[in-house]
Protein backbone atom coordinates (compact mmCIF):
# COMPACT_ATOMS: atom_id res chain seq x y z
CA UNK A 1 41.62 -9.94 24.34
CA UNK A 2 39.86 -11.65 21.45
CA UNK A 3 41.99 -14.77 21.83
CA UNK A 4 41.49 -15.04 25.58
CA UNK A 5 37.76 -14.48 25.21
CA UNK A 6 37.24 -17.11 22.50
CA UNK A 7 39.37 -19.64 24.39
CA UNK A 8 37.31 -19.07 27.55
CA UNK A 9 34.02 -19.44 25.65
CA UNK A 10 35.26 -22.50 23.77
CA UNK A 11 36.24 -24.25 27.00
CA UNK A 12 33.04 -23.21 28.80
CA UNK A 13 30.98 -24.72 25.99
CA UNK A 14 33.05 -27.90 25.81
CA UNK A 15 34.23 -27.32 22.24
CA UNK A 16 37.56 -28.48 20.87
CA UNK A 17 39.66 -26.21 18.67
CA UNK A 18 38.94 -28.64 15.84
CA UNK A 19 35.16 -28.26 16.31
CA UNK A 20 35.39 -24.46 16.43
CA UNK A 21 37.61 -24.46 13.34
CA UNK A 22 35.04 -26.46 11.37
CA UNK A 23 32.21 -24.18 12.51
CA UNK A 24 33.96 -20.93 11.54
CA UNK A 25 35.72 -22.22 8.41
CA UNK A 26 39.31 -22.10 9.64
CA UNK A 27 42.01 -24.66 10.34
CA UNK A 28 42.64 -25.85 13.88
CA UNK A 29 46.06 -24.18 13.64
CA UNK A 30 44.47 -20.84 12.79
CA UNK A 31 42.13 -21.10 15.79
CA UNK A 32 45.13 -21.87 18.00
CA UNK A 33 47.00 -18.83 16.68
CA UNK A 34 43.97 -16.60 17.26
CA UNK A 35 43.57 -17.91 20.82
CA UNK A 36 47.25 -17.30 21.52
CA UNK A 37 47.17 -13.76 20.13
CA UNK A 38 49.54 -14.51 17.25
CA UNK A 39 47.39 -12.38 14.95
CA UNK A 40 44.14 -10.43 15.21
CA UNK A 41 41.01 -11.67 13.45
CA UNK A 42 39.69 -9.84 10.43
CA UNK A 43 36.09 -8.60 10.58
CA UNK A 44 34.44 -11.57 8.80
CA UNK A 45 36.24 -14.08 11.04
CA UNK A 46 35.35 -12.16 14.20
CA UNK A 47 31.70 -12.13 13.09
CA UNK A 48 31.72 -15.91 12.59
CA UNK A 49 33.04 -16.38 16.13
CA UNK A 50 30.40 -13.98 17.48
CA UNK A 51 27.66 -16.00 15.80
CA UNK A 52 29.07 -19.32 16.99
CA UNK A 53 29.28 -18.20 20.61
CA UNK A 54 26.11 -16.04 20.44
CA UNK A 55 28.00 -12.98 21.67
CA UNK A 56 28.40 -9.43 20.39
CA UNK A 57 31.62 -8.37 18.71
CA UNK A 58 32.13 -5.95 21.58
CA UNK A 59 32.07 -8.81 24.09
CA UNK A 60 34.66 -10.74 22.09
CA UNK A 61 36.97 -7.79 21.46
CA UNK A 62 37.06 -6.17 24.90
CA UNK A 63 38.65 -7.39 28.12
CA UNK A 64 36.49 -9.24 30.60
CA UNK A 65 35.91 -7.13 33.71
CA UNK A 66 38.03 -8.16 36.66
CA UNK A 67 36.22 -8.86 39.92
CA UNK A 68 36.39 -5.91 42.28
CA UNK A 69 38.56 -6.37 45.32
CA UNK A 70 37.24 -5.32 48.69
CA UNK A 71 38.91 -2.54 50.63
CA UNK A 72 40.64 -3.65 53.78
CA UNK A 73 39.93 -1.80 57.04
CA UNK A 74 43.36 -2.57 58.48
């Protein structure tokens, strides 16, 4: 979930992986691997992402809620 969440936030804010990497002190390749779920972030890295995106760790580490689907009357 962390990777999907940071990718979504990065795109929403118009950041490149390179920009995010510079801001959090990682390589662009490491950001790509995190976004693709190749490995989980350690606590200090997760905190740097939370600060960059102004989100809580909980928001970054949990799945985004799916929109509720209506119940059909048919």
